[in-house]
PDB file of N, CA and C in Angstrom:
ATOM      1  N   UNK A   1      -8.849   7.154  10.006  1.00  0.00           N
ATOM      2  CA  UNK A   1      -8.144   6.814   8.801  1.00  0.00           C
ATOM      3  C   UNK A   1      -8.153   8.020   7.761  1.00  0.00           C
ATOM      4  N   UNK A   2      -7.336   8.546   7.294  1.00  0.00           N
ATOM      5  CA  UNK A   2      -7.206   9.352   6.362  1.00  0.00           C
ATOM      6  C   UNK A   2      -7.458   8.954   5.182  1.00  0.00           C
ATOM      7  N   UNK A   3      -8.051   9.654   4.177  1.00  0.00           N
ATOM      8  CA  UNK A   3      -8.145   9.368   2.787  1.00  0.00           C
ATOM      9  C   UNK A   3      -7.003   9.366   1.723  1.00  0.00           C
ATOM     10  N   UNK A   4      -6.759   8.419   1.021  1.00  0.00           N
ATOM     11  CA  UNK A   4      -5.615   8.491   0.056  1.00  0.00           C
ATOM     12  C   UNK A   4      -6.069   8.703  -1.442  1.00  0.00           C
ATOM     13  N   UNK A   5      -5.322   9.607  -2.063  1.00  0.00           N
ATOM     14  CA  UNK A   5      -5.501  10.165  -3.414  1.00  0.00           C
ATOM     15  C   UNK A   5      -5.182   8.892  -4.391  1.00  0.00           C
ATOM     16  N   UNK A   6      -4.117   8.081  -3.842  1.00  0.00           N
ATOM     17  CA  UNK A   6      -4.002   6.838  -4.842  1.00  0.00           C
ATOM     18  C   UNK A   6      -5.111   5.999  -5.175  1.00  0.00           C
ATOM     19  N   UNK A   7      -6.250   6.146  -4.487  1.00  0.00           N
ATOM     20  CA  UNK A   7      -6.951   5.256  -5.236  1.00  0.00           C
ATOM     21  C   UNK A   7      -8.245   5.687  -5.306  1.00  0.00           C
ATOM     22  N   UNK A   8      -8.478   6.731  -6.274  1.00  0.00           N
ATOM     23  CA  UNK A   8      -9.563   7.473  -6.522  1.00  0.00           C
ATOM     24  C   UNK A   8     -10.395   6.969  -7.355  1.00  0.00           C
ATOM     25  N   UNK A   9     -11.843   7.180  -6.992  1.00  0.00           N
ATOM     26  CA  UNK A   9     -13.133   6.335  -7.836  1.00  0.00           C
ATOM     27  C   UNK A   9     -12.799   6.821  -9.272  1.00  0.00           C
ATOM     28  N   UNK A  10     -13.225   6.165 -10.128  1.00  0.00           N
ATOM     29  CA  UNK A  10     -13.261   5.989 -11.690  1.00  0.00           C
ATOM     30  C   UNK A  10     -14.072   7.297 -11.924  1.00  0.00           C
ATOM     31  N   UNK A  11     -13.594   8.534 -11.725  1.00  0.00           N
ATOM     32  CA  UNK A  11     -14.279   9.660 -12.073  1.00  0.00           C
ATOM     33  C   UNK A  11     -15.027  10.328 -10.924  1.00  0.00           C
ATOM     34  N   UNK A  12     -15.209   9.216  -9.724  1.00  0.00           N
ATOM     35  CA  UNK A  12     -15.976   9.819  -8.714  1.00  0.00           C
ATOM     36  C   UNK A  12     -15.231  10.458  -7.359  1.00  0.00           C
ATOM     37  N   UNK A  13     -15.743  11.369  -6.816  1.00  0.00           N
ATOM     38  CA  UNK A  13     -14.906  11.477  -5.356  1.00  0.00           C
ATOM     39  C   UNK A  13     -15.843  10.620  -4.218  1.00  0.00           C
ATOM     40  N   UNK A  14     -15.138  10.593  -3.046  1.00  0.00           N
ATOM     41  CA  UNK A  14     -15.749   9.789  -2.212  1.00  0.00           C
ATOM     42  C   UNK A  14     -16.973  10.422  -1.565  1.00  0.00           C
ATOM     43  N   UNK A  15     -17.099  11.735  -1.925  1.00  0.00           N
ATOM     44  CA  UNK A  15     -18.104  12.406  -1.331  1.00  0.00           C
ATOM     45  C   UNK A  15     -19.445  12.765  -2.298  1.00  0.00           C
ATOM     46  N   UNK A  16     -19.047  12.136  -3.481  1.00  0.00           N
ATOM     47  CA  UNK A  16     -20.341  11.879  -4.383  1.00  0.00           C
ATOM     48  C   UNK A  16     -21.372  11.202  -4.069  1.00  0.00           C
ATOM     49  N   UNK A  17     -22.474  11.420  -4.322  1.00  0.00           N
ATOM     50  CA  UNK A  17     -23.788  10.931  -3.985  1.00  0.00           C
ATOM     51  C   UNK A  17     -23.986   9.619  -4.566  1.00  0.00           C
ATOM     52  N   UNK A  18     -23.380   9.264  -5.770  1.00  0.00           N
ATOM     53  CA  UNK A  18     -23.342   8.358  -6.654  1.00  0.00           C
ATOM     54  C   UNK A  18     -22.676   6.949  -6.218  1.00  0.00           C
ATOM     55  N   UNK A  19     -21.767   7.237  -5.123  1.00  0.00           N
ATOM     56  CA  UNK A  19     -21.158   6.359  -4.318  1.00  0.00           C
ATOM     57  C   UNK A  19     -21.833   5.642  -3.253  1.00  0.00           C
ATOM     58  N   UNK A  20     -22.134   4.323  -3.374  1.00  0.00           N
ATOM     59  CA  UNK A  20     -22.795   3.766  -2.273  1.00  0.00           C
ATOM     60  C   UNK A  20     -21.793   3.637  -1.086  1.00  0.00           C
ATOM     61  N   UNK A  21     -22.324   3.416   0.029  1.00  0.00           N
ATOM     62  CA  UNK A  21     -21.603   3.132   1.383  1.00  0.00           C
ATOM     63  C   UNK A  21     -20.774   1.958   1.236  1.00  0.00           C
ATOM     64  N   UNK A  22     -21.049   0.773   0.664  1.00  0.00           N
ATOM     65  CA  UNK A  22     -20.127  -0.554   0.431  1.00  0.00           C
ATOM     66  C   UNK A  22     -18.931  -0.092  -0.335  1.00  0.00           C
ATOM     67  N   UNK A  23     -18.992   0.603  -1.424  1.00  0.00           N
ATOM     68  CA  UNK A  23     -17.998   1.000  -1.967  1.00  0.00           C
ATOM     69  C   UNK A  23     -16.709   1.886  -1.363  1.00  0.00           C
ATOM     70  N   UNK A  24     -17.523   2.918  -0.470  1.00  0.00           N
ATOM     71  CA  UNK A  24     -16.684   3.542   0.553  1.00  0.00           C
ATOM     72  C   UNK A  24     -15.711   2.607   1.434  1.00  0.00           C
ATOM     73  N   UNK A  25     -16.771   1.469   1.784  1.00  0.00           N
ATOM     74  CA  UNK A  25     -16.009   0.521   2.720  1.00  0.00           C
ATOM     75  C   UNK A  25     -14.898  -0.222   1.913  1.00  0.00           C
ATOM     76  N   UNK A  26     -15.107  -0.716   1.076  1.00  0.00           N
ATOM     77  CA  UNK A  26     -14.074  -1.693   0.271  1.00  0.00           C
ATOM     78  C   UNK A  26     -13.021  -0.730  -0.045  1.00  0.00           C
ATOM     79  N   UNK A  27     -13.365   0.637  -0.449  1.00  0.00           N
ATOM     80  CA  UNK A  27     -12.231   1.578  -0.682  1.00  0.00           C
ATOM     81  C   UNK A  27     -11.314   1.684   0.571  1.00  0.00           C
ATOM     82  N   UNK A  28     -11.996   2.016   1.745  1.00  0.00           N
ATOM     83  CA  UNK A  28     -11.426   1.935   2.877  1.00  0.00           C
ATOM     84  C   UNK A  28     -10.454   0.760   3.340  1.00  0.00           C
ATOM     85  N   UNK A  29     -10.870  -0.435   3.042  1.00  0.00           N
ATOM     86  CA  UNK A  29     -10.218  -1.508   2.958  1.00  0.00           C
ATOM     87  C   UNK A  29      -8.812  -1.593   2.369  1.00  0.00           C
ATOM     88  N   UNK A  30      -8.780  -1.178   1.226  1.00  0.00           N
ATOM     89  CA  UNK A  30      -7.627  -1.007   0.445  1.00  0.00           C
ATOM     90  C   UNK A  30      -6.695   0.229   1.073  1.00  0.00           C
ATOM     91  N   UNK A  31      -7.293   1.246   1.389  1.00  0.00           N
ATOM     92  CA  UNK A  31      -6.598   2.324   2.008  1.00  0.00           C
ATOM     93  C   UNK A  31      -5.635   1.990   3.169  1.00  0.00           C
ATOM     94  N   UNK A  32      -6.564   1.162   3.939  1.00  0.00           N
ATOM     95  CA  UNK A  32      -5.965   0.674   5.379  1.00  0.00           C
ATOM     96  C   UNK A  32      -4.710  -0.295   5.001  1.00  0.00           C
ATOM     97  N   UNK A  33      -5.014  -0.927   4.033  1.00  0.00           N
ATOM     98  CA  UNK A  33      -3.878  -2.019   3.622  1.00  0.00           C
ATOM     99  C   UNK A  33      -2.596  -1.125   3.338  1.00  0.00           C
ATOM    100  N   UNK A  34      -2.976  -0.089   2.206  1.00  0.00           N
ATOM    101  CA  UNK A  34      -1.775   0.796   1.946  1.00  0.00           C
ATOM    102  C   UNK A  34      -1.052   1.508   3.217  1.00  0.00           C
ATOM    103  N   UNK A  35      -1.942   2.140   3.897  1.00  0.00           N
ATOM    104  CA  UNK A  35      -1.391   2.546   5.333  1.00  0.00           C
ATOM    105  C   UNK A  35      -0.910   1.708   6.075  1.00  0.00           C
ATOM    106  N   UNK A  36      -1.088   0.368   6.416  1.00  0.00           N
ATOM    107  CA  UNK A  36      -0.400  -0.549   7.230  1.00  0.00           C
ATOM    108  C   UNK A  36       1.115  -0.618   6.577  1.00  0.00           C
ATOM    109  N   UNK A  37       0.954  -0.960   5.228  1.00  0.00           N
ATOM    110  CA  UNK A  37       2.539  -1.219   4.536  1.00  0.00           C
ATOM    111  C   UNK A  37       3.522  -0.089   4.833  1.00  0.00           C
ATOM    112  N   UNK A  38       2.943   1.313   4.661  1.00  0.00           N
ATOM    113  CA  UNK A  38       3.982   2.069   4.792  1.00  0.00           C
ATOM    114  C   UNK A  38       4.087   3.049   6.240  1.00  0.00           C
ATOM    115  N   UNK A  39       3.355   2.549   7.187  1.00  0.00           N
ATOM    116  CA  UNK A  39       3.632   3.142   8.353  1.00  0.00           C
ATOM    117  C   UNK A  39       4.373   2.557   9.517  1.00  0.00           C
ATOM    118  N   UNK A  40       5.142   3.467  10.044  1.00  0.00           N
ATOM    119  CA  UNK A  40       6.196   2.840  10.967  1.00  0.00           C
ATOM    120  C   UNK A  40       5.470   2.025  12.483  1.00  0.00           C
ATOM    121  N   UNK A  41       4.340   2.583  12.403  1.00  0.00           N
ATOM    122  CA  UNK A  41       3.696   2.196  13.837  1.00  0.00           C
ATOM    123  C   UNK A  41       3.087   0.736  14.016  1.00  0.00           C
ATOM    124  N   UNK A  42       3.220   0.206  12.676  1.00  0.00           N
ATOM    125  CA  UNK A  42       2.271  -0.997  12.569  1.00  0.00           C
ATOM    126  C   UNK A  42       3.407  -2.184  12.462  1.00  0.00           C
ATOM    127  N   UNK A  43       2.687  -3.259  13.360  1.00  0.00           N
ATOM    128  CA  UNK A  43       3.328  -4.485  13.824  1.00  0.00           C
ATOM    129  C   UNK A  43       3.847  -5.067  12.292  1.00  0.00           C
ATOM    130  N   UNK A  44       5.061  -5.606  12.382  1.00  0.00           N
ATOM    131  CA  UNK A  44       5.656  -6.223  11.166  1.00  0.00           C
ATOM    132  C   UNK A  44       4.730  -7.351  10.569  1.00  0.00           C
ATOM    133  N   UNK A  45       4.257  -8.274  11.603  1.00  0.00           N
ATOM    134  CA  UNK A  45       3.126  -9.357  11.102  1.00  0.00           C
ATOM    135  C   UNK A  45       1.991  -8.605   9.991  1.00  0.00           C
ATOM    136  N   UNK A  46       1.412  -7.611  10.859  1.00  0.00           N
ATOM    137  CA  UNK A  46       0.516  -6.937   9.897  1.00  0.00           C
ATOM    138  C   UNK A  46       0.786  -6.153   8.779  1.00  0.00           C
ATOM    139  N   UNK A  47       2.101  -5.670   8.768  1.00  0.00           N
ATOM    140  CA  UNK A  47       2.558  -4.914   7.613  1.00  0.00           C
ATOM    141  C   UNK A  47       2.938  -6.084   6.294  1.00  0.00           C
ATOM    142  N   UNK A  48       3.354  -7.256   7.123  1.00  0.00           N
ATOM    143  CA  UNK A  48       3.417  -8.354   5.832  1.00  0.00           C
ATOM    144  C   UNK A  48       2.053  -8.820   5.309  1.00  0.00           C
ATOM    145  N   UNK A  49       1.297  -8.774   6.179  1.00  0.00           N
ATOM    146  CA  UNK A  49      -0.123  -9.524   5.479  1.00  0.00           C
ATOM    147  C   UNK A  49      -0.921  -8.359   4.547  1.00  0.00           C
ATOM    148  N   UNK A  50      -0.557  -7.062   4.746  1.00  0.00           N
ATOM    149  CA  UNK A  50      -1.181  -6.098   4.069  1.00  0.00           C
ATOM    150  C   UNK A  50      -0.408  -5.996   2.791  1.00  0.00           C
ATOM    151  N   UNK A  51       0.798  -6.395   2.810  1.00  0.00           N
ATOM    152  CA  UNK A  51       2.023  -6.364   1.677  1.00  0.00           C
ATOM    153  C   UNK A  51       1.372  -7.422   0.747  1.00  0.00           C
ATOM    154  N   UNK A  52       1.325  -8.547   1.254  1.00  0.00           N
ATOM    155  CA  UNK A  52       1.141  -9.819   0.339  1.00  0.00           C
ATOM    156  C   UNK A  52      -0.487  -9.600  -0.180  1.00  0.00           C
ATOM    157  N   UNK A  53      -1.411  -9.036   0.625  1.00  0.00           N
ATOM    158  CA  UNK A  53      -2.737  -8.799   0.210  1.00  0.00           C
ATOM    159  C   UNK A  53      -2.566  -7.975  -1.073  1.00  0.00           C
ATOM    160  N   UNK A  54      -1.791  -6.769  -1.051  1.00  0.00           N
ATOM    161  CA  UNK A  54      -1.888  -5.743  -2.035  1.00  0.00           C
ATOM    162  C   UNK A  54      -0.911  -5.962  -3.316  1.00  0.00           C
ATOM    163  N   UNK A  55       0.067  -7.026  -2.767  1.00  0.00           N
ATOM    164  CA  UNK A  55       0.874  -7.494  -4.050  1.00  0.00           C
ATOM    165  C   UNK A  55       0.585  -8.717  -4.609  1.00  0.00           C
ATOM    166  N   UNK A  56      -0.145  -9.545  -4.204  1.00  0.00           N
ATOM    167  CA  UNK A  56      -0.194 -10.668  -4.867  1.00  0.00           C
ATOM    168  C   UNK A  56      -1.781 -10.899  -5.780  1.00  0.00           C
ATOM    169  N   UNK A  57      -1.662 -11.387  -6.624  1.00  0.00           N
ATOM    170  CA  UNK A  57      -2.836 -11.649  -7.406  1.00  0.00           C
ATOM    171  C   UNK A  57      -3.832 -12.962  -7.121  1.00  0.00           C
ATOM    172  N   UNK A  58      -4.582 -12.396  -5.914  1.00  0.00           N
ATOM    173  CA  UNK A  58      -5.399 -13.321  -5.124  1.00  0.00           C
ATOM    174  C   UNK A  58      -6.937 -12.914  -5.424  1.00  0.00           C
ATOM    175  N   UNK A  59      -7.720 -14.051  -5.388  1.00  0.00           N
ATOM    176  CA  UNK A  59      -8.899 -13.895  -5.551  1.00  0.00           C
ATOM    177  C   UNK A  59      -9.742 -12.677  -4.581  1.00  0.00           C
ATOM    178  N   UNK A  60      -9.201 -12.819  -3.188  1.00  0.00           N
ATOM    179  CA  UNK A  60      -9.691 -11.682  -2.301  1.00  0.00           C
ATOM    180  C   UNK A  60      -9.331 -10.131  -2.783  1.00  0.00           C
ATOM    181  N   UNK A  61      -8.256  -9.927  -3.261  1.00  0.00           N
ATOM    182  CA  UNK A  61      -7.857  -8.789  -3.790  1.00  0.00           C
ATOM    183  C   UNK A  61      -8.637  -8.409  -5.117  1.00  0.00           C
ATOM    184  N   UNK A  62      -8.797  -9.193  -5.969  1.00  0.00           N
ATOM    185  CA  UNK A  62      -9.511  -8.849  -6.966  1.00  0.00           C
ATOM    186  C   UNK A  62     -11.352  -8.781  -6.654  1.00  0.00           C
ATOM    187  N   UNK A  63     -11.625  -9.218  -5.692  1.00  0.00           N
ATOM    188  CA  UNK A  63     -13.102  -9.040  -5.066  1.00  0.00           C
ATOM    189  C   UNK A  63     -13.244  -7.737  -4.496  1.00  0.00           C
ATOM    190  N   UNK A  64     -12.348  -7.428  -3.722  1.00  0.00           N
ATOM    191  CA  UNK A  64     -12.284  -6.377  -2.643  1.00  0.00           C
ATOM    192  C   UNK A  64     -12.297  -5.104  -3.804  1.00  0.00           C
ATOM    193  N   UNK A  65     -11.074  -4.960  -4.824  1.00  0.00           N
ATOM    194  CA  UNK A  65     -11.238  -3.934  -5.711  1.00  0.00           C
ATOM    195  C   UNK A  65     -12.295  -4.062  -6.665  1.00  0.00           C
ATOM    196  N   UNK A  66     -12.835  -4.741  -7.061  1.00  0.00           N
ATOM    197  CA  UNK A  66     -14.051  -4.935  -7.833  1.00  0.00           C
ATOM    198  C   UNK A  66     -15.122  -4.164  -6.962  1.00  0.00           C
ATOM    199  N   UNK A  67     -15.288  -4.723  -5.766  1.00  0.00           N
ATOM    200  CA  UNK A  67     -16.457  -3.861  -4.876  1.00  0.00           C
ATOM    201  C   UNK A  67     -16.176  -2.544  -4.694  1.00  0.00           C
ATOM    202  N   UNK A  68     -14.768  -2.220  -4.640  1.00  0.00           N
ATOM    203  CA  UNK A  68     -14.353  -0.932  -4.596  1.00  0.00           C
ATOM    204  C   UNK A  68     -14.511   0.071  -5.710  1.00  0.00           C
ATOM    205  N   UNK A  69     -14.808  -0.645  -6.978  1.00  0.00           N
ATOM    206  CA  UNK A  69     -14.466   0.105  -8.160  1.00  0.00           C
ATOM    207  C   UNK A  69     -13.071   0.577  -8.776  1.00  0.00           C
ATOM    208  N   UNK A  70     -12.247  -0.571  -8.191  1.00  0.00           N
ATOM    209  CA  UNK A  70     -10.813  -0.094  -8.597  1.00  0.00           C
ATOM    210  C   UNK A  70     -10.590  -1.424  -9.667  1.00  0.00           C
ATOM    211  N   UNK A  71      -9.320  -1.044 -10.148  1.00  0.00           N
ATOM    212  CA  UNK A  71      -8.685  -2.256 -10.953  1.00  0.00           C
ATOM    213  C   UNK A  71      -7.578  -2.980 -10.102  1.00  0.00           C
ATOM    214  N   UNK A  72      -7.541  -4.244  -9.933  1.00  0.00           N
ATOM    215  CA  UNK A  72      -6.814  -4.866  -8.956  1.00  0.00           C
ATOM    216  C   UNK A  72      -5.432  -4.861  -9.596  1.00  0.00           C
ATOM    217  N   UNK A  73      -5.188  -4.811 -11.039  1.00  0.00           N
ATOM    218  CA  UNK A  73      -3.833  -4.743 -11.508  1.00  0.00           C
ATOM    219  C   UNK A  73      -3.103  -3.436 -11.228  1.00  0.00           C
ATOM    220  N   UNK A  74      -3.914  -2.669 -11.300  1.00  0.00           N
ATOM    221  CA  UNK A  74      -3.422  -1.253 -11.241  1.00  0.00           C
ATOM    222  C   UNK A  74      -2.930  -0.937  -9.828  1.00  0.00           C
ATOM    223  N   UNK A  75      -3.906  -1.350  -8.763  1.00  0.00           N
ATOM    224  CA  UNK A  75      -3.375  -1.186  -7.331  1.00  0.00           C
ATOM    225  C   UNK A  75      -2.387  -1.989  -7.194  1.00  0.00           C
ATOM    226  N   UNK A  76      -2.029  -3.234  -7.570  1.00  0.00           N
ATOM    227  CA  UNK A  76      -0.783  -3.824  -7.646  1.00  0.00           C
ATOM    228  C   UNK A  76       0.464  -2.956  -7.907  1.00  0.00           C
ATOM    229  N   UNK A  77       0.410  -2.428  -9.408  1.00  0.00           N
ATOM    230  CA  UNK A  77       1.508  -1.886 -10.028  1.00  0.00           C
ATOM    231  C   UNK A  77       1.580  -0.722  -9.109  1.00  0.00           C
ATOM    232  N   UNK A  78       0.762  -0.074  -8.460  1.00  0.00           N
ATOM    233  CA  UNK A  78       1.144   1.365  -7.876  1.00  0.00           C
ATOM    234  C   UNK A  78       1.547   0.781  -6.674  1.00  0.00           C
ATOM    235  N   UNK A  79       1.320  -0.044  -5.843  1.00  0.00           N
ATOM    236  CA  UNK A  79       1.895  -0.517  -4.586  1.00  0.00           C
ATOM    237  C   UNK A  79       3.270  -0.976  -4.886  1.00  0.00           C
ATOM    238  N   UNK A  80       3.776  -1.677  -5.688  1.00  0.00           N
ATOM    239  CA  UNK A  80       4.791  -2.193  -6.188  1.00  0.00           C
ATOM    240  C   UNK A  80       5.859  -0.810  -6.468  1.00  0.00           C
ATOM    241  N   UNK A  81       5.323  -0.174  -7.445  1.00  0.00           N
ATOM    242  CA  UNK A  81       6.180   1.064  -7.745  1.00  0.00           C
ATOM    243  C   UNK A  81       6.531   1.936  -6.727  1.00  0.00           C
ATOM    244  N   UNK A  82       5.491   1.872  -5.543  1.00  0.00           N
ATOM    245  CA  UNK A  82       5.730   2.878  -4.286  1.00  0.00           C
ATOM    246  C   UNK A  82       6.844   2.288  -3.454  1.00  0.00           C
ATOM    247  N   UNK A  83       6.646   0.863  -3.502  1.00  0.00           N
ATOM    248  CA  UNK A  83       7.909   0.209  -2.522  1.00  0.00           C
ATOM    249  C   UNK A  83       9.394   0.144  -3.134  1.00  0.00           C
ATOM    250  N   UNK A  84       9.211   0.312  -4.738  1.00  0.00           N
ATOM    251  CA  UNK A  84      10.715   0.554  -5.186  1.00  0.00           C
ATOM    252  C   UNK A  84      11.217   1.742  -5.167  1.00  0.00           C
ATOM    253  N   UNK A  85      10.469   2.924  -4.685  1.00  0.00           N
ATOM    254  CA  UNK A  85      10.929   4.143  -4.509  1.00  0.00           C
ATOM    255  C   UNK A  85      11.871   4.290  -3.600  1.00  0.00           C
TER     256      UNK A  85
END
């Protein structure tokens, strides 16, 4: 899985020693969901699950974003904007 510049750490790069492994893990969860939405080779059901996960204001998205050091509202807005392109 490649890195996504859309989910940058609040001032930290993923190679920064101050970023704990768990933060990288939850960042990867968000990046994988974004990848699943926009990839042609992903099954429709997986695409829809990723889409629902990243666009709905759910407890799980807020928790994952918090653990990844991201703002859930920002993530949702960016995904929605990308979908409208």
